[in-house]
Amino acid sequence: MRRKRSKHNEKITQNYLENIPVHSSHISWSADENGAVTLDIENRGVMNRIAQKLLKKPKVSHIHLDEMGSFIWPLIDGERRITDFGEPVEQHFGEKAHPLYERLAKFFQILESYHFIYWKNEQEKK
């Protein structure tokens, strides 16, 4: 019997380091005086409206990125591959960033899973 490949397994085998991330257009963001980035996500849709009215859920969720995420987020310009983030991250964080490319790949996987970014090369295929 053949084993069905899950979407998760396919993502892990993709070569993320060659992808070009782009901010999703529905996300606004800001950085404070220390450089800490906050993503502002508007909770849209019927279920979100019901939750906002009945459960007092916020209309906008604020996602606070950690130190490395706050450093990387403003560098996402739709031109750089993930490999291009390695040098500035390593210069800024040094050994703290290691294992460097595994951490970058995981960070971008998480951003993609929440639809905070999309891949430029995938958008061009559509």
PDB file of N, CA and C in Angstrom:
ATOM      1  N   MET A   1       0.844  -1.174   0.000  1.00  0.00           N
ATOM      2  CA  MET A   1       0.000   0.000   0.000  1.00  0.00           C
ATOM      3  C   MET A   1       0.891   1.240   0.000  1.00  0.00           C
ATOM      4  N   ARG A   2       0.557   2.205  -0.847  1.00  0.00           N
ATOM      5  CA  ARG A   2       1.313   3.441  -0.931  1.00  0.00           C
ATOM      6  C   ARG A   2       0.937   4.372   0.199  1.00  0.00           C
ATOM      7  N   ARG A   3       1.925   5.037   0.691  1.00  0.00           N
ATOM      8  CA  ARG A   3       1.709   6.002   1.756  1.00  0.00           C
ATOM      9  C   ARG A   3       1.401   7.365   1.154  1.00  0.00           C
ATOM     10  N   LYS A   4       0.342   7.962   1.606  1.00  0.00           N
ATOM     11  CA  LYS A   4      -0.033   9.275   1.107  1.00  0.00           C
ATOM     12  C   LYS A   4       0.878  10.325   1.732  1.00  0.00           C
ATOM     13  N   ARG A   5       1.442  11.198   0.903  1.00  0.00           N
ATOM     14  CA  ARG A   5       2.307  12.261   1.408  1.00  0.00           C
ATOM     15  C   ARG A   5       1.448  13.424   1.865  1.00  0.00           C
ATOM     16  N   SER A   6       1.694  13.844   3.061  1.00  0.00           N
ATOM     17  CA  SER A   6       0.948  14.985   3.571  1.00  0.00           C
ATOM     18  C   SER A   6       1.572  16.276   3.075  1.00  0.00           C
ATOM     19  N   LYS A   7       0.800  17.353   3.115  1.00  0.00           N
ATOM     20  CA  LYS A   7       1.294  18.658   2.708  1.00  0.00           C
ATOM     21  C   LYS A   7       2.478  19.068   3.583  1.00  0.00           C
ATOM     22  N   HIS A   8       2.426  18.722   4.868  1.00  0.00           N
ATOM     23  CA  HIS A   8       3.509  19.056   5.792  1.00  0.00           C
ATOM     24  C   HIS A   8       4.821  18.414   5.341  1.00  0.00           C
ATOM     25  N   ASN A   9       4.776  17.128   4.969  1.00  0.00           N
ATOM     26  CA  ASN A   9       5.986  16.432   4.526  1.00  0.00           C
ATOM     27  C   ASN A   9       6.536  17.030   3.245  1.00  0.00           C
ATOM     28  N   GLU A  10       5.668  17.445   2.332  1.00  0.00           N
ATOM     29  CA  GLU A  10       6.126  18.059   1.103  1.00  0.00           C
ATOM     30  C   GLU A  10       6.828  19.377   1.387  1.00  0.00           C
ATOM     31  N   LYS A  11       6.313  20.154   2.332  1.00  0.00           N
ATOM     32  CA  LYS A  11       6.924  21.435   2.660  1.00  0.00           C
ATOM     33  C   LYS A  11       8.333  21.242   3.203  1.00  0.00           C
ATOM     34  N   ILE A  12       8.518  20.241   4.006  1.00  0.00           N
ATOM     35  CA  ILE A  12       9.826  20.007   4.603  1.00  0.00           C
ATOM     36  C   ILE A  12      10.841  19.654   3.519  1.00  0.00           C
ATOM     37  N   THR A  13      10.434  18.946   2.487  1.00  0.00           N
ATOM     38  CA  THR A  13      11.371  18.542   1.447  1.00  0.00           C
ATOM     39  C   THR A  13      11.608  19.633   0.417  1.00  0.00           C
ATOM     40  N   GLN A  14      10.793  20.670   0.379  1.00  0.00           N
ATOM     41  CA  GLN A  14      11.027  21.771  -0.552  1.00  0.00           C
ATOM     42  C   GLN A  14      12.306  22.492  -0.187  1.00  0.00           C
ATOM     43  N   ASN A  15      12.925  23.092  -1.171  1.00  0.00           N
ATOM     44  CA  ASN A  15      14.120  23.873  -0.905  1.00  0.00           C
ATOM     45  C   ASN A  15      13.703  25.314  -0.640  1.00  0.00           C
ATOM     46  N   TYR A  16      13.399  25.606   0.605  1.00  0.00           N
ATOM     47  CA  TYR A  16      12.933  26.934   0.993  1.00  0.00           C
ATOM     48  C   TYR A  16      13.981  28.010   0.765  1.00  0.00           C
ATOM     49  N   LEU A  17      15.221  27.643   0.813  1.00  0.00           N
ATOM     50  CA  LEU A  17      16.287  28.637   0.738  1.00  0.00           C
ATOM     51  C   LEU A  17      16.333  29.366  -0.597  1.00  0.00           C
ATOM     52  N   GLU A  18      15.717  28.803  -1.623  1.00  0.00           N
ATOM     53  CA  GLU A  18      15.685  29.463  -2.936  1.00  0.00           C
ATOM     54  C   GLU A  18      14.414  30.290  -3.140  1.00  0.00           C
ATOM     55  N   ASN A  19      13.458  30.187  -2.224  1.00  0.00           N
ATOM     56  CA  ASN A  19      12.211  30.943  -2.348  1.00  0.00           C
ATOM     57  C   ASN A  19      12.408  32.410  -2.000  1.00  0.00           C
ATOM     58  N   ILE A  20      11.558  33.239  -2.585  1.00  0.00           N
ATOM     59  CA  ILE A  20      11.588  34.681  -2.342  1.00  0.00           C
ATOM     60  C   ILE A  20      10.309  35.051  -1.598  1.00  0.00           C
ATOM     61  N   PRO A  21      10.425  35.404  -0.303  1.00  0.00           N
ATOM     62  CA  PRO A  21       9.216  35.750   0.463  1.00  0.00           C
ATOM     63  C   PRO A  21       8.750  37.176   0.179  1.00  0.00           C
ATOM     64  N   VAL A  22       7.433  37.364   0.256  1.00  0.00           N
ATOM     65  CA  VAL A  22       6.801  38.666   0.064  1.00  0.00           C
ATOM     66  C   VAL A  22       5.758  38.838   1.170  1.00  0.00           C
ATOM     67  N   HIS A  23       5.684  40.028   1.757  1.00  0.00           N
ATOM     68  CA  HIS A  23       4.657  40.293   2.771  1.00  0.00           C
ATOM     69  C   HIS A  23       3.273  40.159   2.141  1.00  0.00           C
ATOM     70  N   SER A  24       2.337  39.564   2.871  1.00  0.00           N
ATOM     71  CA  SER A  24       0.952  39.522   2.418  1.00  0.00           C
ATOM     72  C   SER A  24       0.363  40.920   2.510  1.00  0.00           C
ATOM     73  N   SER A  25      -0.445  41.273   1.540  1.00  0.00           N
ATOM     74  CA  SER A  25      -0.973  42.636   1.456  1.00  0.00           C
ATOM     75  C   SER A  25      -1.975  42.960   2.564  1.00  0.00           C
ATOM     76  N   HIS A  26      -2.577  41.969   3.186  1.00  0.00           N
ATOM     77  CA  HIS A  26      -3.584  42.228   4.225  1.00  0.00           C
ATOM     78  C   HIS A  26      -2.975  42.474   5.608  1.00  0.00           C
ATOM     79  N   ILE A  27      -1.652  42.514   5.674  1.00  0.00           N
ATOM     80  CA  ILE A  27      -0.985  42.703   6.958  1.00  0.00           C
ATOM     81  C   ILE A  27      -0.319  44.066   7.007  1.00  0.00           C
ATOM     82  N   SER A  28      -0.617  44.808   8.055  1.00  0.00           N
ATOM     83  CA  SER A  28       0.129  46.039   8.297  1.00  0.00           C
ATOM     84  C   SER A  28       1.046  45.772   9.482  1.00  0.00           C
ATOM     85  N   TRP A  29       2.101  46.543   9.581  1.00  0.00           N
ATOM     86  CA  TRP A  29       3.058  46.309  10.658  1.00  0.00           C
ATOM     87  C   TRP A  29       3.723  47.609  11.058  1.00  0.00           C
ATOM     88  N   SER A  30       4.300  47.570  12.249  1.00  0.00           N
ATOM     89  CA  SER A  30       5.025  48.732  12.750  1.00  0.00           C
ATOM     90  C   SER A  30       6.178  48.234  13.608  1.00  0.00           C
ATOM     91  N   ALA A  31       7.159  49.116  13.785  1.00  0.00           N
ATOM     92  CA  ALA A  31       8.303  48.802  14.635  1.00  0.00           C
ATOM     93  C   ALA A  31       8.415  49.899  15.685  1.00  0.00           C
ATOM     94  N   ASP A  32       8.701  49.514  16.914  1.00  0.00           N
ATOM     95  CA  ASP A  32       8.871  50.518  17.964  1.00  0.00           C
ATOM     96  C   ASP A  32      10.298  51.063  17.947  1.00  0.00           C
ATOM     97  N   GLU A  33      10.614  51.937  18.883  1.00  0.00           N
ATOM     98  CA  GLU A  33      11.933  52.583  18.917  1.00  0.00           C
ATOM     99  C   GLU A  33      13.081  51.594  19.125  1.00  0.00           C
ATOM    100  N   ASN A  34      12.779  50.418  19.667  1.00  0.00           N
ATOM    101  CA  ASN A  34      13.805  49.388  19.860  1.00  0.00           C
ATOM    102  C   ASN A  34      13.905  48.432  18.682  1.00  0.00           C
ATOM    103  N   GLY A  35      13.056  48.620  17.675  1.00  0.00           N
ATOM    104  CA  GLY A  35      13.064  47.761  16.499  1.00  0.00           C
ATOM    105  C   GLY A  35      12.152  46.559  16.598  1.00  0.00           C
ATOM    106  N   ALA A  36      11.415  46.417  17.704  1.00  0.00           N
ATOM    107  CA  ALA A  36      10.494  45.283  17.862  1.00  0.00           C
ATOM    108  C   ALA A  36       9.304  45.462  16.909  1.00  0.00           C
ATOM    109  N   VAL A  37       9.055  44.457  16.092  1.00  0.00           N
ATOM    110  CA  VAL A  37       8.011  44.524  15.071  1.00  0.00           C
ATOM    111  C   VAL A  37       6.718  43.910  15.589  1.00  0.00           C
ATOM    112  N   THR A  38       5.609  44.606  15.305  1.00  0.00           N
ATOM    113  CA  THR A  38       4.273  44.114  15.617  1.00  0.00           C
ATOM    114  C   THR A  38       3.483  44.033  14.323  1.00  0.00           C
ATOM    115  N   LEU A  39       2.927  42.858  14.044  1.00  0.00           N
ATOM    116  CA  LEU A  39       2.072  42.666  12.871  1.00  0.00           C
ATOM    117  C   LEU A  39       0.629  42.878  13.316  1.00  0.00           C
ATOM    118  N   ASP A  40      -0.128  43.623  12.527  1.00  0.00           N
ATOM    119  CA  ASP A  40      -1.534  43.885  12.829  1.00  0.00           C
ATOM    120  C   ASP A  40      -2.388  43.121  11.827  1.00  0.00           C
ATOM    121  N   ILE A  41      -3.137  42.149  12.322  1.00  0.00           N
ATOM    122  CA  ILE A  41      -3.941  41.267  11.490  1.00  0.00           C
ATOM    123  C   ILE A  41      -5.411  41.553  11.755  1.00  0.00           C
ATOM    124  N   GLU A  42      -6.115  41.997  10.722  1.00  0.00           N
ATOM    125  CA  GLU A  42      -7.548  42.252  10.873  1.00  0.00           C
ATOM    126  C   GLU A  42      -8.292  40.923  10.794  1.00  0.00           C
ATOM    127  N   ASN A  43      -9.126  40.657  11.782  1.00  0.00           N
ATOM    128  CA  ASN A  43      -9.899  39.419  11.843  1.00  0.00           C
ATOM    129  C   ASN A  43     -11.189  39.621  11.056  1.00  0.00           C
ATOM    130  N   ARG A  44     -11.183  39.130   9.830  1.00  0.00           N
ATOM    131  CA  ARG A  44     -12.328  39.304   8.933  1.00  0.00           C
ATOM    132  C   ARG A  44     -13.103  38.006   8.771  1.00  0.00           C
ATOM    133  N   GLY A  45     -14.258  38.098   8.199  1.00  0.00           N
ATOM    134  CA  GLY A  45     -15.067  36.927   7.922  1.00  0.00           C
ATOM    135  C   GLY A  45     -16.223  36.799   8.898  1.00  0.00           C
ATOM    136  N   VAL A  46     -17.185  35.988   8.520  1.00  0.00           N
ATOM    137  CA  VAL A  46     -18.414  35.819   9.290  1.00  0.00           C
ATOM    138  C   VAL A  46     -18.138  35.276  10.687  1.00  0.00           C
ATOM    139  N   MET A  47     -17.327  34.227  10.779  1.00  0.00           N
ATOM    140  CA  MET A  47     -17.061  33.622  12.087  1.00  0.00           C
ATOM    141  C   MET A  47     -16.330  34.600  13.007  1.00  0.00           C
ATOM    142  N   ASN A  48     -15.412  35.376  12.450  1.00  0.00           N
ATOM    143  CA  ASN A  48     -14.711  36.367  13.259  1.00  0.00           C
ATOM    144  C   ASN A  48     -15.657  37.457  13.747  1.00  0.00           C
ATOM    145  N   ARG A  49     -16.591  37.870  12.908  1.00  0.00           N
ATOM    146  CA  ARG A  49     -17.558  38.897  13.331  1.00  0.00           C
ATOM    147  C   ARG A  49     -18.445  38.388  14.468  1.00  0.00           C
ATOM    148  N   ILE A  50     -18.851  37.132  14.371  1.00  0.00           N
ATOM    149  CA  ILE A  50     -19.665  36.543  15.428  1.00  0.00           C
ATOM    150  C   ILE A  50     -18.860  36.482  16.726  1.00  0.00           C
ATOM    151  N   ALA A  51     -17.602  36.030  16.633  1.00  0.00           N
ATOM    152  CA  ALA A  51     -16.747  35.940  17.816  1.00  0.00           C
ATOM    153  C   ALA A  51     -16.493  37.325  18.410  1.00  0.00           C
ATOM    154  N   GLN A  52     -16.388  38.337  17.560  1.00  0.00           N
ATOM    155  CA  GLN A  52     -16.159  39.696  18.051  1.00  0.00           C
ATOM    156  C   GLN A  52     -17.364  40.194  18.840  1.00  0.00           C
ATOM    157  N   LYS A  53     -18.546  39.882  18.355  1.00  0.00           N
ATOM    158  CA  LYS A  53     -19.758  40.360  19.024  1.00  0.00           C
ATOM    159  C   LYS A  53     -20.082  39.542  20.277  1.00  0.00           C
ATOM    160  N   LEU A  54     -20.025  38.228  20.157  1.00  0.00           N
ATOM    161  CA  LEU A  54     -20.437  37.369  21.270  1.00  0.00           C
ATOM    162  C   LEU A  54     -19.341  37.158  22.311  1.00  0.00           C
ATOM    163  N   LEU A  55     -18.125  36.998  21.865  1.00  0.00           N
ATOM    164  CA  LEU A  55     -17.046  36.646  22.778  1.00  0.00           C
ATOM    165  C   LEU A  55     -16.081  37.791  23.040  1.00  0.00           C
ATOM    166  N   LYS A  56     -16.414  38.953  22.525  1.00  0.00           N
ATOM    167  CA  LYS A  56     -15.575  40.149  22.714  1.00  0.00           C
ATOM    168  C   LYS A  56     -14.146  39.951  22.181  1.00  0.00           C
ATOM    169  N   LYS A  57     -14.038  39.207  21.069  1.00  0.00           N
ATOM    170  CA  LYS A  57     -12.727  39.022  20.436  1.00  0.00           C
ATOM    171  C   LYS A  57     -12.344  40.326  19.729  1.00  0.00           C
ATOM    172  N   PRO A  58     -11.056  40.638  19.666  1.00  0.00           N
ATOM    173  CA  PRO A  58     -10.637  41.898  19.037  1.00  0.00           C
ATOM    174  C   PRO A  58     -10.818  41.877  17.522  1.00  0.00           C
ATOM    175  N   LYS A  59     -11.080  43.042  16.954  1.00  0.00           N
ATOM    176  CA  LYS A  59     -11.198  43.168  15.505  1.00  0.00           C
ATOM    177  C   LYS A  59      -9.821  43.030  14.851  1.00  0.00           C
ATOM    178  N   VAL A  60      -8.780  43.462  15.558  1.00  0.00           N
ATOM    179  CA  VAL A  60      -7.415  43.368  15.052  1.00  0.00           C
ATOM    180  C   VAL A  60      -6.555  42.633  16.079  1.00  0.00           C
ATOM    181  N   SER A  61      -5.825  41.618  15.612  1.00  0.00           N
ATOM    182  CA  SER A  61      -4.882  40.902  16.474  1.00  0.00           C
ATOM    183  C   SER A  61      -3.491  41.490  16.256  1.00  0.00           C
ATOM    184  N   HIS A  62      -2.750  41.618  17.333  1.00  0.00           N
ATOM    185  CA  HIS A  62      -1.399  42.170  17.268  1.00  0.00           C
ATOM    186  C   HIS A  62      -0.412  41.045  17.578  1.00  0.00           C
ATOM    187  N   ILE A  63       0.419  40.725  16.604  1.00  0.00           N
ATOM    188  CA  ILE A  63       1.402  39.654  16.734  1.00  0.00           C
ATOM    189  C   ILE A  63       2.762  40.310  16.938  1.00  0.00           C
ATOM    190  N   HIS A  64       3.395  40.040  18.069  1.00  0.00           N
ATOM    191  CA  HIS A  64       4.697  40.613  18.395  1.00  0.00           C
ATOM    192  C   HIS A  64       5.786  39.615  18.025  1.00  0.00           C
ATOM    193  N   LEU A  65       6.666  40.000  17.124  1.00  0.00           N
ATOM    194  CA  LEU A  65       7.753  39.123  16.698  1.00  0.00           C
ATOM    195  C   LEU A  65       8.894  39.159  17.704  1.00  0.00           C
ATOM    196  N   ASP A  66       9.607  38.057  17.792  1.00  0.00           N
ATOM    197  CA  ASP A  66      10.776  38.008  18.674  1.00  0.00           C
ATOM    198  C   ASP A  66      11.916  38.820  18.061  1.00  0.00           C
ATOM    199  N   GLU A  67      13.057  38.825  18.735  1.00  0.00           N
ATOM    200  CA  GLU A  67      14.184  39.654  18.307  1.00  0.00           C
ATOM    201  C   GLU A  67      14.645  39.316  16.892  1.00  0.00           C
ATOM    202  N   MET A  68      14.793  38.038  16.584  1.00  0.00           N
ATOM    203  CA  MET A  68      15.252  37.659  15.251  1.00  0.00           C
ATOM    204  C   MET A  68      14.174  37.935  14.201  1.00  0.00           C
ATOM    205  N   GLY A  69      12.927  37.635  14.519  1.00  0.00           N
ATOM    206  CA  GLY A  69      11.835  37.919  13.596  1.00  0.00           C
ATOM    207  C   GLY A  69      11.711  39.401  13.310  1.00  0.00           C
ATOM    208  N   SER A  70      11.899  40.218  14.338  1.00  0.00           N
ATOM    209  CA  SER A  70      11.840  41.675  14.174  1.00  0.00           C
ATOM    210  C   SER A  70      12.988  42.189  13.314  1.00  0.00           C
ATOM    211  N   PHE A  71      14.111  41.506  13.338  1.00  0.00           N
ATOM    212  CA  PHE A  71      15.237  41.885  12.496  1.00  0.00           C
ATOM    213  C   PHE A  71      14.981  41.504  11.039  1.00  0.00           C
ATOM    214  N   ILE A  72      14.405  40.315  10.831  1.00  0.00           N
ATOM    215  CA  ILE A  72      14.202  39.788   9.480  1.00  0.00           C
ATOM    216  C   ILE A  72      13.025  40.454   8.772  1.00  0.00           C
ATOM    217  N   TRP A  73      11.915  40.669   9.458  1.00  0.00           N
ATOM    218  CA  TRP A  73      10.679  41.150   8.821  1.00  0.00           C
ATOM    219  C   TRP A  73      10.884  42.382   7.932  1.00  0.00           C
ATOM    220  N   PRO A  74      11.555  43.433   8.404  1.00  0.00           N
ATOM    221  CA  PRO A  74      11.731  44.610   7.534  1.00  0.00           C
ATOM    222  C   PRO A  74      12.638  44.349   6.326  1.00  0.00           C
ATOM    223  N   LEU A  75      13.425  43.289   6.368  1.00  0.00           N
ATOM    224  CA  LEU A  75      14.305  42.958   5.242  1.00  0.00           C
ATOM    225  C   LEU A  75      13.565  42.269   4.098  1.00  0.00           C
ATOM    226  N   ILE A  76      12.356  41.787   4.371  1.00  0.00           N
ATOM    227  CA  ILE A  76      11.576  41.099   3.338  1.00  0.00           C
ATOM    228  C   ILE A  76      11.102  42.153   2.340  1.00  0.00           C
ATOM    229  N   ASP A  77      11.647  42.070   1.124  1.00  0.00           N
ATOM    230  CA  ASP A  77      11.339  43.089   0.117  1.00  0.00           C
ATOM    231  C   ASP A  77      10.819  42.522  -1.201  1.00  0.00           C
ATOM    232  N   GLY A  78      10.618  41.211  -1.266  1.00  0.00           N
ATOM    233  CA  GLY A  78      10.135  40.602  -2.497  1.00  0.00           C
ATOM    234  C   GLY A  78      11.225  40.406  -3.535  1.00  0.00           C
ATOM    235  N   GLU A  79      12.471  40.674  -3.169  1.00  0.00           N
ATOM    236  CA  GLU A  79      13.602  40.500  -4.080  1.00  0.00           C
ATOM    237  C   GLU A  79      14.616  39.500  -3.542  1.00  0.00           C
ATOM    238  N   ARG A  80      14.738  39.405  -2.234  1.00  0.00           N
ATOM    239  CA  ARG A  80      15.747  38.548  -1.601  1.00  0.00           C
ATOM    240  C   ARG A  80      15.244  37.122  -1.440  1.00  0.00           C
ATOM    241  N   ARG A  81      16.135  36.170  -1.733  1.00  0.00           N
ATOM    242  CA  ARG A  81      15.878  34.765  -1.415  1.00  0.00           C
ATOM    243  C   ARG A  81      16.174  34.566   0.066  1.00  0.00           C
ATOM    244  N   ILE A  82      15.690  33.485   0.610  1.00  0.00           N
ATOM    245  CA  ILE A  82      15.968  33.197   2.012  1.00  0.00           C
ATOM    246  C   ILE A  82      17.474  33.115   2.248  1.00  0.00           C
ATOM    247  N   THR A  83      18.220  32.580   1.295  1.00  0.00           N
ATOM    248  CA  THR A  83      19.671  32.506   1.450  1.00  0.00           C
ATOM    249  C   THR A  83      20.281  33.892   1.626  1.00  0.00           C
ATOM    250  N   ASP A  84      19.669  34.914   1.057  1.00  0.00           N
ATOM    251  CA  ASP A  84      20.188  36.277   1.157  1.00  0.00           C
ATOM    252  C   ASP A  84      20.030  36.868   2.558  1.00  0.00           C
ATOM    253  N   PHE A  85      19.189  36.272   3.376  1.00  0.00           N
ATOM    254  CA  PHE A  85      19.001  36.755   4.746  1.00  0.00           C
ATOM    255  C   PHE A  85      20.094  36.238   5.684  1.00  0.00           C
ATOM    256  N   GLY A  86      20.779  35.184   5.272  1.00  0.00           N
ATOM    257  CA  GLY A  86      21.762  34.538   6.133  1.00  0.00           C
ATOM    258  C   GLY A  86      22.875  35.456   6.592  1.00  0.00           C
ATOM    259  N   GLU A  87      23.493  36.172   5.664  1.00  0.00           N
ATOM    260  CA  GLU A  87      24.635  37.011   6.023  1.00  0.00           C
ATOM    261  C   GLU A  87      24.263  38.133   6.993  1.00  0.00           C
ATOM    262  N   PRO A  88      23.216  38.938   6.707  1.00  0.00           N
ATOM    263  CA  PRO A  88      22.884  39.985   7.678  1.00  0.00           C
ATOM    264  C   PRO A  88      22.462  39.440   9.041  1.00  0.00           C
ATOM    265  N   VAL A  89      21.753  38.310   9.060  1.00  0.00           N
ATOM    266  CA  VAL A  89      21.334  37.711  10.338  1.00  0.00           C
ATOM    267  C   VAL A  89      22.560  37.243  11.108  1.00  0.00           C
ATOM    268  N   GLU A  90      23.493  36.592  10.420  1.00  0.00           N
ATOM    269  CA  GLU A  90      24.689  36.106  11.109  1.00  0.00           C
ATOM    270  C   GLU A  90      25.550  37.267  11.605  1.00  0.00           C
ATOM    271  N   GLN A  91      25.654  38.331  10.823  1.00  0.00           N
ATOM    272  CA  GLN A  91      26.429  39.485  11.270  1.00  0.00           C
ATOM    273  C   GLN A  91      25.806  40.118  12.508  1.00  0.00           C
ATOM    274  N   HIS A  92      24.480  40.177  12.548  1.00  0.00           N
ATOM    275  CA  HIS A  92      23.795  40.823  13.668  1.00  0.00           C
ATOM    276  C   HIS A  92      23.758  39.952  14.926  1.00  0.00           C
ATOM    277  N   PHE A  93      23.480  38.657  14.750  1.00  0.00           N
ATOM    278  CA  PHE A  93      23.267  37.769  15.899  1.00  0.00           C
ATOM    279  C   PHE A  93      24.447  36.846  16.207  1.00  0.00           C
ATOM    280  N   GLY A  94      25.359  36.671  15.268  1.00  0.00           N
ATOM    281  CA  GLY A  94      26.512  35.795  15.485  1.00  0.00           C
ATOM    282  C   GLY A  94      26.104  34.358  15.742  1.00  0.00           C
ATOM    283  N   GLU A  95      26.760  33.722  16.702  1.00  0.00           N
ATOM    284  CA  GLU A  95      26.502  32.312  17.031  1.00  0.00           C
ATOM    285  C   GLU A  95      25.070  32.077  17.524  1.00  0.00           C
ATOM    286  N   LYS A  96      24.467  33.116  18.050  1.00  0.00           N
ATOM    287  CA  LYS A  96      23.095  33.016  18.560  1.00  0.00           C
ATOM    288  C   LYS A  96      22.104  32.599  17.460  1.00  0.00           C
ATOM    289  N   ALA A  97      22.463  32.850  16.199  1.00  0.00           N
ATOM    290  CA  ALA A  97      21.583  32.541  15.070  1.00  0.00           C
ATOM    291  C   ALA A  97      21.703  31.098  14.586  1.00  0.00           C
ATOM    292  N   HIS A  98      22.650  30.347  15.099  1.00  0.00           N
ATOM    293  CA  HIS A  98      22.898  29.003  14.579  1.00  0.00           C
ATOM    294  C   HIS A  98      22.007  27.973  15.229  1.00  0.00           C
ATOM    295  N   PRO A  99      21.579  26.950  14.472  1.00  0.00           N
ATOM    296  CA  PRO A  99      21.879  26.651  13.076  1.00  0.00           C
ATOM    297  C   PRO A  99      21.119  27.612  12.149  1.00  0.00           C
ATOM    298  N   LEU A 100      21.840  28.430  11.433  1.00  0.00           N
ATOM    299  CA  LEU A 100      21.311  29.586  10.721  1.00  0.00           C
ATOM    300  C   LEU A 100      20.234  29.252   9.695  1.00  0.00           C
ATOM    301  N   TYR A 101      20.543  28.452   8.704  1.00  0.00           N
ATOM    302  CA  TYR A 101      19.593  28.237   7.615  1.00  0.00           C
ATOM    303  C   TYR A 101      18.419  27.361   8.027  1.00  0.00           C
ATOM    304  N   GLU A 102      18.639  26.474   8.988  1.00  0.00           N
ATOM    305  CA  GLU A 102      17.516  25.692   9.501  1.00  0.00           C
ATOM    306  C   GLU A 102      16.537  26.606  10.232  1.00  0.00           C
ATOM    307  N   ARG A 103      17.065  27.553  10.998  1.00  0.00           N
ATOM    308  CA  ARG A 103      16.197  28.497  11.712  1.00  0.00           C
ATOM    309  C   ARG A 103      15.468  29.418  10.744  1.00  0.00           C
ATOM    310  N   LEU A 104      16.173  29.887   9.716  1.00  0.00           N
ATOM    311  CA  LEU A 104      15.517  30.742   8.719  1.00  0.00           C
ATOM    312  C   LEU A 104      14.403  29.980   8.009  1.00  0.00           C
ATOM    313  N   ALA A 105      14.671  28.743   7.608  1.00  0.00           N
ATOM    314  CA  ALA A 105      13.657  27.938   6.918  1.00  0.00           C
ATOM    315  C   ALA A 105      12.432  27.745   7.811  1.00  0.00           C
ATOM    316  N   LYS A 106      12.655  27.431   9.084  1.00  0.00           N
ATOM    317  CA  LYS A 106      11.540  27.218  10.005  1.00  0.00           C
ATOM    318  C   LYS A 106      10.753  28.506  10.222  1.00  0.00           C
ATOM    319  N   PHE A 107      11.455  29.634  10.372  1.00  0.00           N
ATOM    320  CA  PHE A 107      10.791  30.923  10.550  1.00  0.00           C
ATOM    321  C   PHE A 107       9.874  31.218   9.369  1.00  0.00           C
ATOM    322  N   PHE A 108      10.372  31.024   8.146  1.00  0.00           N
ATOM    323  CA  PHE A 108       9.553  31.304   6.979  1.00  0.00           C
ATOM    324  C   PHE A 108       8.428  30.288   6.798  1.00  0.00           C
ATOM    325  N   GLN A 109       8.641  29.045   7.226  1.00  0.00           N
ATOM    326  CA  GLN A 109       7.552  28.060   7.207  1.00  0.00           C
ATOM    327  C   GLN A 109       6.405  28.532   8.097  1.00  0.00           C
ATOM    328  N   ILE A 110       6.754  29.039   9.271  1.00  0.00           N
ATOM    329  CA  ILE A 110       5.731  29.508  10.211  1.00  0.00           C
ATOM    330  C   ILE A 110       4.999  30.712   9.642  1.00  0.00           C
ATOM    331  N   LEU A 111       5.740  31.677   9.096  1.00  0.00           N
ATOM    332  CA  LEU A 111       5.096  32.851   8.489  1.00  0.00           C
ATOM    333  C   LEU A 111       4.146  32.438   7.377  1.00  0.00           C
ATOM    334  N   GLU A 112       4.579  31.479   6.553  1.00  0.00           N
ATOM    335  CA  GLU A 112       3.733  31.011   5.464  1.00  0.00           C
ATOM    336  C   GLU A 112       2.487  30.294   5.992  1.00  0.00           C
ATOM    337  N   SER A 113       2.632  29.502   7.040  1.00  0.00           N
ATOM    338  CA  SER A 113       1.498  28.742   7.567  1.00  0.00           C
ATOM    339  C   SER A 113       0.389  29.663   8.087  1.00  0.00           C
ATOM    340  N   TYR A 114       0.761  30.854   8.549  1.00  0.00           N
ATOM    341  CA  TYR A 114      -0.232  31.825   9.018  1.00  0.00           C
ATOM    342  C   TYR A 114      -0.624  32.826   7.933  1.00  0.00           C
ATOM    343  N   HIS A 115      -0.132  32.613   6.724  1.00  0.00           N
ATOM    344  CA  HIS A 115      -0.433  33.485   5.576  1.00  0.00           C
ATOM    345  C   HIS A 115       0.074  34.909   5.782  1.00  0.00           C
ATOM    346  N   PHE A 116       1.165  35.058   6.525  1.00  0.00           N
ATOM    347  CA  PHE A 116       1.781  36.370   6.712  1.00  0.00           C
ATOM    348  C   PHE A 116       2.666  36.721   5.520  1.00  0.00           C
ATOM    349  N   ILE A 117       3.123  35.692   4.792  1.00  0.00           N
ATOM    350  CA  ILE A 117       3.919  35.877   3.578  1.00  0.00           C
ATOM    351  C   ILE A 117       3.404  34.927   2.516  1.00  0.00           C
ATOM    352  N   TYR A 118       3.822  35.163   1.290  1.00  0.00           N
ATOM    353  CA  TYR A 118       3.662  34.189   0.211  1.00  0.00           C
ATOM    354  C   TYR A 118       4.976  34.170  -0.553  1.00  0.00           C
ATOM    355  N   TRP A 119       5.119  33.194  -1.421  1.00  0.00           N
ATOM    356  CA  TRP A 119       6.362  33.065  -2.189  1.00  0.00           C
ATOM    357  C   TRP A 119       6.184  33.724  -3.534  1.00  0.00           C
ATOM    358  N   LYS A 120       7.091  34.616  -3.890  1.00  0.00           N
ATOM    359  CA  LYS A 120       7.036  35.350  -5.158  1.00  0.00           C
ATOM    360  C   LYS A 120       6.998  34.401  -6.336  1.00  0.00           C
ATOM    361  N   ASN A 121       7.847  33.381  -6.326  1.00  0.00           N
ATOM    362  CA  ASN A 121       7.886  32.449  -7.455  1.00  0.00           C
ATOM    363  C   ASN A 121       6.585  31.674  -7.602  1.00  0.00           C
ATOM    364  N   GLU A 122       5.855  31.414  -6.526  1.00  0.00           N
ATOM    365  CA  GLU A 122       4.555  30.736  -6.618  1.00  0.00           C
ATOM    366  C   GLU A 122       3.494  31.688  -7.164  1.00  0.00           C
ATOM    367  N   GLN A 123       3.548  32.958  -6.782  1.00  0.00           N
ATOM    368  CA  GLN A 123       2.586  33.945  -7.249  1.00  0.00           C
ATOM    369  C   GLN A 123       2.716  34.131  -8.761  1.00  0.00           C
ATOM    370  N   GLU A 124       3.940  34.074  -9.280  1.00  0.00           N
ATOM    371  CA  GLU A 124       4.177  34.257 -10.706  1.00  0.00           C
ATOM    372  C   GLU A 124       3.622  33.101 -11.539  1.00  0.00           C
ATOM    373  N   LYS A 125       3.497  31.899 -10.920  1.00  0.00           N
ATOM    374  CA  LYS A 125       2.958  30.731 -11.614  1.00  0.00           C
ATOM    375  C   LYS A 125       1.459  30.850 -11.828  1.00  0.00           C
ATOM    376  N   LYS A 126       0.786  31.640 -10.976  1.00  0.00           N
ATOM    377  CA  LYS A 126      -0.683  31.728 -11.031  1.00  0.00           C
ATOM    378  C   LYS A 126      -1.144  32.613 -12.156  1.00  0.00           C
TER     379      LYS A 126
END
